C-alpha atoms as a PDB file:
ATOM      1  CA  MET A   1     126.516 186.665  70.659  1.00  0.00           C
ATOM      2  CA  THR A   2     122.777 186.172  70.191  1.00  0.00           C
ATOM      3  CA  ASP A   3     121.018 182.841  69.774  1.00  0.00           C
ATOM      4  CA  THR A   4     120.906 183.431  66.019  1.00  0.00           C
ATOM      5  CA  THR A   5     124.529 184.498  65.624  1.00  0.00           C
ATOM      6  CA  PRO A   6     126.701 181.709  64.180  1.00  0.00           C
ATOM      7  CA  ALA A   7     129.459 180.494  66.473  1.00  0.00           C
ATOM      8  CA  SER A   8     131.857 181.175  63.618  1.00  0.00           C
ATOM      9  CA  ALA A   9     131.271 184.930  63.969  1.00  0.00           C
ATOM     10  CA  THR A  10     133.748 184.839  66.857  1.00  0.00           C
ATOM     11  CA  ASP A  11     136.385 182.881  64.921  1.00  0.00           C
ATOM     12  CA  PRO A  12     139.802 184.403  65.743  1.00  0.00           C
ATOM     13  CA  ARG A  13     141.404 183.196  62.520  1.00  0.00           C
ATOM     14  CA  PRO A  14     142.742 185.847  60.152  1.00  0.00           C
ATOM     15  CA  ALA A  15     140.992 186.502  56.862  1.00  0.00           C
ATOM     16  CA  ARG A  16     142.539 184.656  53.922  1.00  0.00           C
ATOM     17  CA  VAL A  17     142.105 184.962  50.172  1.00  0.00           C
ATOM     18  CA  GLY A  18     141.877 182.006  47.803  1.00  0.00           C
ATOM     19  CA  ILE A  19     141.868 182.551  44.049  1.00  0.00           C
ATOM     20  CA  GLN A  20     140.619 179.858  41.704  1.00  0.00           C
ATOM     21  CA  ILE A  21     142.206 179.580  38.278  1.00  0.00           C
ATOM     22  CA  PRO A  22     139.801 177.483  36.189  1.00  0.00           C
ATOM     23  CA  PRO A  23     141.935 175.115  34.074  1.00  0.00           C
ATOM     24  CA  GLN A  24     140.002 176.011  30.933  1.00  0.00           C
ATOM     25  CA  HIS A  25     140.343 178.136  27.787  1.00  0.00           C
ATOM     26  CA  ALA A  26     144.030 178.821  28.444  1.00  0.00           C
ATOM     27  CA  THR A  27     147.430 177.336  27.732  1.00  0.00           C
ATOM     28  CA  TRP A  28     149.484 175.771  30.490  1.00  0.00           C
ATOM     29  CA  ALA A  29     151.971 178.639  30.146  1.00  0.00           C
ATOM     30  CA  GLN A  30     149.178 181.146  30.844  1.00  0.00           C
ATOM     31  CA  ILE A  31     147.942 179.165  33.847  1.00  0.00           C
ATOM     32  CA  ARG A  32     151.455 178.834  35.281  1.00  0.00           C
ATOM     33  CA  ARG A  33     152.168 182.532  34.756  1.00  0.00           C
ATOM     34  CA  THR A  34     148.900 183.575  36.418  1.00  0.00           C
ATOM     35  CA  ALA A  35     149.581 181.270  39.372  1.00  0.00           C
ATOM     36  CA  SER A  36     153.041 182.783  39.829  1.00  0.00           C
ATOM     37  CA  THR A  37     151.658 186.315  39.635  1.00  0.00           C
ATOM     38  CA  LEU A  38     148.970 185.585  42.214  1.00  0.00           C
ATOM     39  CA  GLU A  39     151.534 184.115  44.588  1.00  0.00           C
ATOM     40  CA  GLU A  40     153.713 187.213  44.194  1.00  0.00           C
ATOM     41  CA  MET A  41     150.677 189.398  44.961  1.00  0.00           C
ATOM     42  CA  GLY A  42     150.204 187.645  48.297  1.00  0.00           C
ATOM     43  CA  VAL A  43     147.235 185.355  47.663  1.00  0.00           C
ATOM     44  CA  ASP A  44     146.947 182.761  50.442  1.00  0.00           C
ATOM     45  CA  VAL A  45     145.539 179.815  48.471  1.00  0.00           C
ATOM     46  CA  LEU A  46     145.607 178.879  44.770  1.00  0.00           C
ATOM     47  CA  LEU A  47     142.704 176.717  43.623  1.00  0.00           C
ATOM     48  CA  ASN A  48     141.691 174.867  40.480  1.00  0.00           C
ATOM     49  CA  TRP A  49     138.766 172.484  39.920  1.00  0.00           C
ATOM     50  CA  ASP A  50     138.293 168.807  39.151  1.00  0.00           C
ATOM     51  CA  HIS A  51     136.386 168.545  35.886  1.00  0.00           C
ATOM     52  CA  PHE A  52     137.202 167.136  32.472  1.00  0.00           C
ATOM     53  CA  PHE A  53     135.527 169.760  30.294  1.00  0.00           C
ATOM     54  CA  PRO A  54     135.136 173.553  30.461  1.00  0.00           C
ATOM     55  CA  LEU A  55     132.226 174.690  32.613  1.00  0.00           C
ATOM     56  CA  SER A  56     131.631 177.831  30.559  1.00  0.00           C
ATOM     57  CA  GLY A  57     132.121 178.833  26.951  1.00  0.00           C
ATOM     58  CA  ASP A  58     133.009 176.197  24.374  1.00  0.00           C
ATOM     59  CA  ARG A  59     132.566 172.789  26.026  1.00  0.00           C
ATOM     60  CA  GLY A  60     135.144 171.450  23.595  1.00  0.00           C
ATOM     61  CA  GLY A  61     137.674 174.152  24.460  1.00  0.00           C
ATOM     62  CA  GLN A  62     141.063 173.802  26.105  1.00  0.00           C
ATOM     63  CA  HIS A  63     140.992 172.080  29.495  1.00  0.00           C
ATOM     64  CA  PHE A  64     143.501 170.416  31.818  1.00  0.00           C
ATOM     65  CA  GLU A  65     143.262 167.737  34.526  1.00  0.00           C
ATOM     66  CA  CYS A  66     143.152 168.779  38.182  1.00  0.00           C
ATOM     67  CA  TRP A  67     145.704 166.674  40.048  1.00  0.00           C
ATOM     68  CA  THR A  68     148.411 166.742  37.414  1.00  0.00           C
ATOM     69  CA  MET A  69     148.143 170.530  37.605  1.00  0.00           C
ATOM     70  CA  LEU A  70     148.311 170.528  41.415  1.00  0.00           C
ATOM     71  CA  GLY A  71     151.543 168.547  41.217  1.00  0.00           C
ATOM     72  CA  ALA A  72     152.946 171.107  38.786  1.00  0.00           C
ATOM     73  CA  TRP A  73     151.848 173.987  41.028  1.00  0.00           C
ATOM     74  CA  ALA A  74     153.487 172.256  43.989  1.00  0.00           C
ATOM     75  CA  GLU A  75     156.810 172.468  42.164  1.00  0.00           C
ATOM     76  CA  SER A  76     156.394 175.882  40.525  1.00  0.00           C
ATOM     77  CA  THR A  77     155.222 177.795  43.631  1.00  0.00           C
ATOM     78  CA  GLU A  78     156.972 178.322  46.941  1.00  0.00           C
ATOM     79  CA  SER A  79     154.704 179.503  49.739  1.00  0.00           C
ATOM     80  CA  VAL A  80     151.063 179.676  48.666  1.00  0.00           C
ATOM     81  CA  GLU A  81     148.742 176.838  49.691  1.00  0.00           C
ATOM     82  CA  ILE A  82     147.212 174.876  46.814  1.00  0.00           C
ATOM     83  CA  GLY A  83     144.134 172.739  46.322  1.00  0.00           C
ATOM     84  CA  ALA A  84     141.068 171.924  44.272  1.00  0.00           C
ATOM     85  CA  LEU A  85     137.732 173.651  44.735  1.00  0.00           C
ATOM     86  CA  VAL A  86     136.838 170.837  44.718  1.00  0.00           C
ATOM     87  CA  THR A  87     138.002 167.382  43.673  1.00  0.00           C
ATOM     88  CA  CYS A  88     135.277 164.858  42.880  1.00  0.00           C
ATOM     89  CA  ASN A  89     135.204 161.885  45.212  1.00  0.00           C
ATOM     90  CA  SER A  90     133.771 159.641  42.486  1.00  0.00           C
ATOM     91  CA  TYR A  91     136.713 159.897  40.100  1.00  0.00           C
ATOM     92  CA  ARG A  92     139.397 158.080  42.107  1.00  0.00           C
ATOM     93  CA  ASN A  93     139.643 155.198  44.535  1.00  0.00           C
ATOM     94  CA  PRO A  94     139.885 156.784  48.019  1.00  0.00           C
ATOM     95  CA  SER A  95     143.154 155.067  48.868  1.00  0.00           C
ATOM     96  CA  LEU A  96     144.642 156.230  45.571  1.00  0.00           C
ATOM     97  CA  LEU A  97     143.385 159.763  46.202  1.00  0.00           C
ATOM     98  CA  ALA A  98     144.971 159.676  49.658  1.00  0.00           C
ATOM     99  CA  ASP A  99     148.298 158.659  48.102  1.00  0.00           C
ATOM    100  CA  MET A 100     148.034 161.360  45.433  1.00  0.00           C
ATOM    101  CA  ALA A 101     147.301 163.985  48.076  1.00  0.00           C
ATOM    102  CA  ARG A 102     150.176 162.762  50.262  1.00  0.00           C
ATOM    103  CA  THR A 103     152.554 162.999  47.295  1.00  0.00           C
ATOM    104  CA  VAL A 104     151.493 166.549  46.388  1.00  0.00           C
ATOM    105  CA  ASP A 105     151.781 167.413  50.084  1.00  0.00           C
ATOM    106  CA  HIS A 106     155.437 166.350  49.992  1.00  0.00           C
ATOM    107  CA  VAL A 107     156.239 168.008  46.664  1.00  0.00           C
ATOM    108  CA  SER A 108     154.759 171.260  47.997  1.00  0.00           C
ATOM    109  CA  ASP A 109     156.474 171.014  51.410  1.00  0.00           C
ATOM    110  CA  GLY A 110     153.148 170.786  53.215  1.00  0.00           C
ATOM    111  CA  ARG A 111     150.986 173.260  51.308  1.00  0.00           C
ATOM    112  CA  LEU A 112     148.143 171.058  50.038  1.00  0.00           C
ATOM    113  CA  ILE A 113     144.510 171.460  51.058  1.00  0.00           C
ATOM    114  CA  LEU A 114     142.379 168.463  50.050  1.00  0.00           C
ATOM    115  CA  GLY A 115     139.218 170.116  48.762  1.00  0.00           C
ATOM    116  CA  ILE A 116     136.612 167.453  48.040  1.00  0.00           C
ATOM    117  CA  GLY A 117     132.940 167.064  47.206  1.00  0.00           C
ATOM    118  CA  SER A 118     130.514 164.372  46.135  1.00  0.00           C
ATOM    119  CA  GLY A 119     130.393 165.371  42.436  1.00  0.00           C
ATOM    120  CA  TRP A 120     127.688 166.829  40.228  1.00  0.00           C
ATOM    121  CA  ALA A 121     128.853 167.292  36.600  1.00  0.00           C
ATOM    122  CA  GLN A 122     127.103 164.489  34.729  1.00  0.00           C
ATOM    123  CA  LEU A 123     129.026 165.106  31.495  1.00  0.00           C
ATOM    124  CA  ASP A 124     132.256 164.203  33.284  1.00  0.00           C
ATOM    125  CA  TYR A 125     130.739 160.960  34.550  1.00  0.00           C
ATOM    126  CA  ASP A 126     129.209 159.991  31.219  1.00  0.00           C
ATOM    127  CA  GLU A 127     132.241 160.771  29.058  1.00  0.00           C
ATOM    128  CA  TYR A 128     134.767 159.111  31.381  1.00  0.00           C
ATOM    129  CA  GLY A 129     132.686 156.066  32.245  1.00  0.00           C
ATOM    130  CA  TYR A 130     131.775 156.724  35.885  1.00  0.00           C
ATOM    131  CA  ASP A 131     128.396 155.752  37.349  1.00  0.00           C
ATOM    132  CA  PHE A 132     126.520 159.003  37.985  1.00  0.00           C
ATOM    133  CA  GLY A 133     124.004 157.403  40.352  1.00  0.00           C
ATOM    134  CA  THR A 134     122.022 159.753  42.583  1.00  0.00           C
ATOM    135  CA  ALA A 135     122.968 162.838  44.568  1.00  0.00           C
ATOM    136  CA  GLY A 136     122.190 161.038  47.816  1.00  0.00           C
ATOM    137  CA  GLY A 137     124.213 158.022  46.798  1.00  0.00           C
ATOM    138  CA  ARG A 138     127.220 160.163  45.908  1.00  0.00           C
ATOM    139  CA  LEU A 139     127.029 161.856  49.307  1.00  0.00           C
ATOM    140  CA  ASP A 140     126.859 158.463  51.008  1.00  0.00           C
ATOM    141  CA  ASP A 141     129.980 157.469  49.073  1.00  0.00           C
ATOM    142  CA  LEU A 142     131.745 160.629  50.254  1.00  0.00           C
ATOM    143  CA  ALA A 143     130.871 159.876  53.885  1.00  0.00           C
ATOM    144  CA  ARG A 144     132.142 156.319  53.426  1.00  0.00           C
ATOM    145  CA  ASP A 145     135.396 157.308  51.710  1.00  0.00           C
ATOM    146  CA  LEU A 146     136.636 160.168  53.897  1.00  0.00           C
ATOM    147  CA  PRO A 147     137.596 157.842  56.793  1.00  0.00           C
ATOM    148  CA  VAL A 148     139.350 155.602  54.252  1.00  0.00           C
ATOM    149  CA  ILE A 149     141.435 158.559  53.082  1.00  0.00           C
ATOM    150  CA  ARG A 150     142.433 159.529  56.612  1.00  0.00           C
ATOM    151  CA  GLU A 151     143.206 155.926  57.549  1.00  0.00           C
ATOM    152  CA  ARG A 152     145.379 155.472  54.456  1.00  0.00           C
ATOM    153  CA  TRP A 153     147.385 158.543  55.436  1.00  0.00           C
ATOM    154  CA  THR A 154     148.317 156.794  58.711  1.00  0.00           C
ATOM    155  CA  ARG A 155     149.804 153.857  56.769  1.00  0.00           C
ATOM    156  CA  LEU A 156     151.661 155.585  53.949  1.00  0.00           C
ATOM    157  CA  ASN A 157     155.455 155.715  54.047  1.00  0.00           C
ATOM    158  CA  PRO A 158     156.487 158.459  54.191  1.00  0.00           C
ATOM    159  CA  ALA A 159     153.529 159.910  56.038  1.00  0.00           C
ATOM    160  CA  PRO A 160     152.133 163.303  55.015  1.00  0.00           C
ATOM    161  CA  THR A 161     154.215 166.236  56.227  1.00  0.00           C
ATOM    162  CA  ARG A 162     151.240 167.561  58.204  1.00  0.00           C
ATOM    163  CA  ASP A 163     147.621 166.742  58.947  1.00  0.00           C
ATOM    164  CA  ILE A 164     146.388 167.603  55.459  1.00  0.00           C
ATOM    165  CA  PRO A 165     143.380 169.930  55.864  1.00  0.00           C
ATOM    166  CA  ILE A 166     140.179 168.603  54.325  1.00  0.00           C
ATOM    167  CA  LEU A 167     137.848 171.174  52.765  1.00  0.00           C
ATOM    168  CA  ILE A 168     134.356 169.962  51.895  1.00  0.00           C
ATOM    169  CA  GLY A 169     132.216 171.948  49.484  1.00  0.00           C
ATOM    170  CA  GLY A 170     128.428 171.934  49.357  1.00  0.00           C
ATOM    171  CA  GLY A 171     125.483 173.294  51.289  1.00  0.00           C
ATOM    172  CA  GLY A 172     123.011 170.451  51.736  1.00  0.00           C
ATOM    173  CA  GLU A 173     121.683 170.682  55.279  1.00  0.00           C
ATOM    174  CA  LYS A 174     120.679 167.058  55.892  1.00  0.00           C
ATOM    175  CA  LYS A 175     123.730 165.207  54.570  1.00  0.00           C
ATOM    176  CA  THR A 176     126.510 167.515  53.386  1.00  0.00           C
ATOM    177  CA  LEU A 177     126.766 169.665  56.502  1.00  0.00           C
ATOM    178  CA  ARG A 178     126.557 166.556  58.682  1.00  0.00           C
ATOM    179  CA  ILE A 179     129.525 165.138  56.762  1.00  0.00           C
ATOM    180  CA  VAL A 180     131.336 168.456  57.215  1.00  0.00           C
ATOM    181  CA  ALA A 181     130.761 168.320  60.976  1.00  0.00           C
ATOM    182  CA  GLU A 182     132.127 164.787  61.079  1.00  0.00           C
ATOM    183  CA  HIS A 183     135.132 165.076  58.772  1.00  0.00           C
ATOM    184  CA  ALA A 184     136.074 168.573  57.561  1.00  0.00           C
ATOM    185  CA  ASP A 185     138.620 171.151  58.634  1.00  0.00           C
ATOM    186  CA  ILE A 186     137.154 173.758  56.258  1.00  0.00           C
ATOM    187  CA  TRP A 187     133.631 174.181  54.868  1.00  0.00           C
ATOM    188  CA  HIS A 188     133.065 175.999  51.573  1.00  0.00           C
ATOM    189  CA  GLY A 189     129.745 177.382  50.394  1.00  0.00           C
ATOM    190  CA  PHE A 190     128.209 179.934  48.070  1.00  0.00           C
ATOM    191  CA  GLY A 191     125.532 182.519  48.722  1.00  0.00           C
ATOM    192  CA  GLY A 192     124.869 185.921  50.192  1.00  0.00           C
ATOM    193  CA  PRO A 193     125.636 186.761  53.813  1.00  0.00           C
ATOM    194  CA  ASP A 194     122.162 185.799  55.074  1.00  0.00           C
ATOM    195  CA  GLU A 195     122.269 182.398  53.391  1.00  0.00           C
ATOM    196  CA  ILE A 196     125.831 181.748  54.537  1.00  0.00           C
ATOM    197  CA  ALA A 197     124.924 182.741  58.106  1.00  0.00           C
ATOM    198  CA  HIS A 198     122.035 180.265  57.999  1.00  0.00           C
ATOM    199  CA  LYS A 199     124.328 177.495  56.744  1.00  0.00           C
ATOM    200  CA  HIS A 200     126.797 178.321  59.518  1.00  0.00           C
ATOM    201  CA  ARG A 201     124.040 177.917  62.106  1.00  0.00           C
ATOM    202  CA  VAL A 202     123.019 174.580  60.609  1.00  0.00           C
ATOM    203  CA  LEU A 203     126.639 173.437  60.667  1.00  0.00           C
ATOM    204  CA  ASP A 204     126.963 174.611  64.272  1.00  0.00           C
ATOM    205  CA  ALA A 205     123.941 172.458  65.145  1.00  0.00           C
ATOM    206  CA  TRP A 206     125.467 169.417  63.449  1.00  0.00           C
ATOM    207  CA  CYS A 207     128.697 170.032  65.362  1.00  0.00           C
ATOM    208  CA  ALA A 208     126.739 170.089  68.620  1.00  0.00           C
ATOM    209  CA  ARG A 209     125.143 166.746  67.741  1.00  0.00           C
ATOM    210  CA  ARG A 210     128.586 165.300  67.021  1.00  0.00           C
ATOM    211  CA  ASP A 211     130.113 166.853  70.166  1.00  0.00           C
ATOM    212  CA  ARG A 212     132.531 168.933  68.114  1.00  0.00           C
ATOM    213  CA  ASP A 213     133.601 172.518  68.679  1.00  0.00           C
ATOM    214  CA  PRO A 214     132.231 174.427  65.642  1.00  0.00           C
ATOM    215  CA  LEU A 215     135.229 176.763  65.738  1.00  0.00           C
ATOM    216  CA  GLU A 216     137.423 173.837  64.691  1.00  0.00           C
ATOM    217  CA  ILE A 217     135.966 174.252  61.185  1.00  0.00           C
ATOM    218  CA  GLU A 218     137.142 177.241  59.164  1.00  0.00           C
ATOM    219  CA  ARG A 219     134.354 178.741  57.053  1.00  0.00           C
ATOM    220  CA  SER A 220     134.972 179.580  53.380  1.00  0.00           C
ATOM    221  CA  ALA A 221     132.739 181.288  50.816  1.00  0.00           C
ATOM    222  CA  GLY A 222     132.834 182.754  47.341  1.00  0.00           C
ATOM    223  CA  VAL A 223     132.966 186.547  47.121  1.00  0.00           C
ATOM    224  CA  ALA A 224     130.597 188.521  44.891  1.00  0.00           C
ATOM    225  CA  PHE A 225     132.508 191.510  43.542  1.00  0.00           C
ATOM    226  CA  VAL A 226     130.734 194.864  43.300  1.00  0.00           C
ATOM    227  CA  PRO A 227     130.296 195.853  39.616  1.00  0.00           C
ATOM    228  CA  GLY A 228     132.789 198.596  38.868  1.00  0.00           C
ATOM    229  CA  ARG A 229     135.523 199.693  41.212  1.00  0.00           C
ATOM    230  CA  ASN A 230     135.952 202.708  43.434  1.00  0.00           C
ATOM    231  CA  PRO A 231     139.304 202.253  45.190  1.00  0.00           C
ATOM    232  CA  ASP A 232     138.535 205.199  47.475  1.00  0.00           C
ATOM    233  CA  GLN A 233     135.642 203.249  48.993  1.00  0.00           C
ATOM    234  CA  SER A 234     136.829 200.308  51.062  1.00  0.00           C
ATOM    235  CA  GLY A 235     133.386 198.740  50.696  1.00  0.00           C
ATOM    236  CA  ASP A 236     134.133 198.284  47.017  1.00  0.00           C
ATOM    237  CA  TYR A 237     137.380 196.469  47.615  1.00  0.00           C
ATOM    238  CA  ALA A 238     135.734 193.117  47.982  1.00  0.00           C
ATOM    239  CA  GLY A 239     132.030 193.296  47.338  1.00  0.00           C
ATOM    240  CA  ASN A 240     130.225 191.427  50.109  1.00  0.00           C
ATOM    241  CA  ALA A 241     133.367 190.123  51.806  1.00  0.00           C
ATOM    242  CA  GLN A 242     132.902 192.247  54.920  1.00  0.00           C
ATOM    243  CA  GLN A 243     129.339 191.016  55.417  1.00  0.00           C
ATOM    244  CA  LEU A 244     130.526 187.435  54.990  1.00  0.00           C
ATOM    245  CA  HIS A 245     133.328 188.090  57.451  1.00  0.00           C
ATOM    246  CA  ASP A 246     130.838 189.409  59.994  1.00  0.00           C
ATOM    247  CA  VAL A 247     129.007 186.059  60.017  1.00  0.00           C
ATOM    248  CA  GLY A 248     132.184 184.002  60.356  1.00  0.00           C
ATOM    249  CA  THR A 249     133.678 183.451  56.913  1.00  0.00           C
ATOM    250  CA  ARG A 250     137.473 183.531  57.040  1.00  0.00           C
ATOM    251  CA  LEU A 251     138.560 182.136  53.656  1.00  0.00           C
ATOM    252  CA  PHE A 252     137.288 184.250  50.763  1.00  0.00           C
ATOM    253  CA  THR A 253     137.437 182.834  47.245  1.00  0.00           C
ATOM    254  CA  ALA A 254     137.132 184.387  43.822  1.00  0.00           C
ATOM    255  CA  SER A 255     137.982 183.284  40.302  1.00  0.00           C
ATOM    256  CA  VAL A 256     140.161 184.750  37.559  1.00  0.00           C
ATOM    257  CA  ALA A 257     140.602 183.585  33.974  1.00  0.00           C
ATOM    258  CA  ALA A 258     144.181 182.541  33.292  1.00  0.00           C
ATOM    259  CA  ALA A 259     144.142 183.891  29.745  1.00  0.00           C
ATOM    260  CA  ASP A 260     143.002 187.376  30.856  1.00  0.00           C
ATOM    261  CA  PRO A 261     143.067 187.686  34.659  1.00  0.00           C
ATOM    262  CA  ASP A 262     141.363 190.661  36.324  1.00  0.00           C
ATOM    263  CA  LEU A 263     144.134 191.344  38.807  1.00  0.00           C
ATOM    264  CA  ALA A 264     142.708 194.701  39.900  1.00  0.00           C
ATOM    265  CA  ARG A 265     139.871 192.991  41.736  1.00  0.00           C
ATOM    266  CA  VAL A 266     142.322 190.589  43.333  1.00  0.00           C
ATOM    267  CA  ARG A 267     144.349 193.555  44.593  1.00  0.00           C
ATOM    268  CA  ASP A 268     141.165 195.055  46.035  1.00  0.00           C
ATOM    269  CA  LEU A 269     140.355 191.837  47.871  1.00  0.00           C
ATOM    270  CA  LEU A 270     143.904 191.540  49.200  1.00  0.00           C
ATOM    271  CA  GLN A 271     143.833 195.142  50.404  1.00  0.00           C
ATOM    272  CA  TRP A 272     140.554 194.486  52.202  1.00  0.00           C
ATOM    273  CA  ARG A 273     142.061 191.332  53.775  1.00  0.00           C
ATOM    274  CA  ASP A 274     145.057 193.277  55.032  1.00  0.00           C
ATOM    275  CA  GLU A 275     142.840 196.016  56.492  1.00  0.00           C
ATOM    276  CA  VAL A 276     140.668 193.482  58.315  1.00  0.00           C
ATOM    277  CA  ASN A 277     143.644 191.572  59.674  1.00  0.00           C
ATOM    278  CA  ALA A 278     145.399 194.747  60.785  1.00  0.00           C
ATOM    279  CA  ALA A 279     142.334 195.586  62.877  1.00  0.00           C
ATOM    280  CA  ARG A 280     142.404 192.286  64.770  1.00  0.00           C
ATOM    281  CA  PRO A 281     143.198 192.558  68.493  1.00  0.00           C
ATOM    282  CA  ALA A 282     146.896 192.279  69.274  1.00  0.00           C
ATOM    283  CA  GLY A 283     147.992 188.824  70.337  1.00  0.00           C
ATOM    284  CA  VAL A 284     145.097 186.956  68.684  1.00  0.00           C
ATOM    285  CA  ASP A 285     146.443 183.715  67.266  1.00  0.00           C
ATOM    286  CA  GLY A 286     143.670 182.119  65.140  1.00  0.00           C
ATOM    287  CA  THR A 287     145.307 178.757  64.806  1.00  0.00           C
ATOM    288  CA  THR A 288     143.499 175.655  66.021  1.00  0.00           C
END
């Protein structure tokens, strides 16, 4: 490993696939059916998002609330992990959010990932009466509230079924990645392989300052699919997933529309995942 290679490049964890189903422009029946299909296909994580209005298309179109949906997914699925990519810290008191997460953890038999971020969608804040404030202030609030969430979990009865993994989304190098180094089990970012590798190195540096092993934090990133599909070319299975994997990404996310899901691309990504994992050295455990 060179001085410029992220520590995460040596992560022994297996590759995983997370598919986000935006809770917009679809009926609940369509969302539930797509979630069930994705679980049957072998997706590792099902994700939604925490907004109050569609992010694309008609802003007045159909849209459902994040945590109510996660509770429904917890009951309607059996093995796939579930979570938000990501929930907004501003929308709920941290102790309440901890209790909500603990409850979904129990309903799902320990399959919840608490994906969280500082928030950015001003329309949500304005329409629902939250103080938008500043980006820096919202990040400060996130840093303040994450210990509250973890502390509340120690006092709830019953306790969570497991140490609920915390995924933090965002790429800010001065505050966000510091918060990730201090509090997260998973970091999620967006960008090409070079940008993601740079963010990994910055996160590694923050981990060093906080005396934390950077390999404790699983790295997650969105996948850019290659336009068109050539199933005979494994490089087309998952766009830039292999390049992201080479720099340490282990959870690969993509999005499908519930009303008309492109399942072919999901199959490609799953096939790539299985090929990568089959090539791992025998006896490698990747758990931490």
